[in-house]
């Protein structure tokens, strides 16, 4: 930090000495740039998705297709941000069939040809970490908005919390599920 006299460097919010490719539960929040309400509106305590919100939702659900080591837990698309629990599961599956025509997804959701044996034996750690998963997701939504000539940007970075206790996981799940109902009092609600 001394090299740039703290002018150009932003201190990391990541948990020190934690490997973000490690198996575990990760609570993430991803925001639209300047917290602009672009994903839809809360109506009667429920989320009514805009076109961008629909794509954000659809692409969130596709994350495990592109990152086979990921399981999705609770999530919610809000007017200007997304909350979700991502589970990274790195257990090897010894019964994976060898198929030379498997489509493998990269961090930007672009397909590559690989065998299933190559996929599970040489899957680069960088492509399995939390930042790569979020980057791939953000790129997928941004790509759709660019193709459709829609002015949209993500806030740089994202918030994450490594969930290490069952009680914490249950509290976060409750928070995510109840987020639309509590939108009126949410600090992310610019209209509150």
Foldseek 3Di string as FASTA:
>chain_A
DVVVPPPPDDDDPDDPPDQQLDFAKKKWKWWWVVLAQQQAAQDPLDGDGDPLVVQLVVLVVCLCVQAVQWDWDFKDDHRTMIITMIGGHLDDDPPDDWDQADWHQFLQRDTDGHTVCCCNPVPDSVRRGPVSSVSNSQNSSVVVCVVVVHDTGIDPDIDMDTDDDPVVVVVSNVCRVNCSVCVVVDPSNPVD
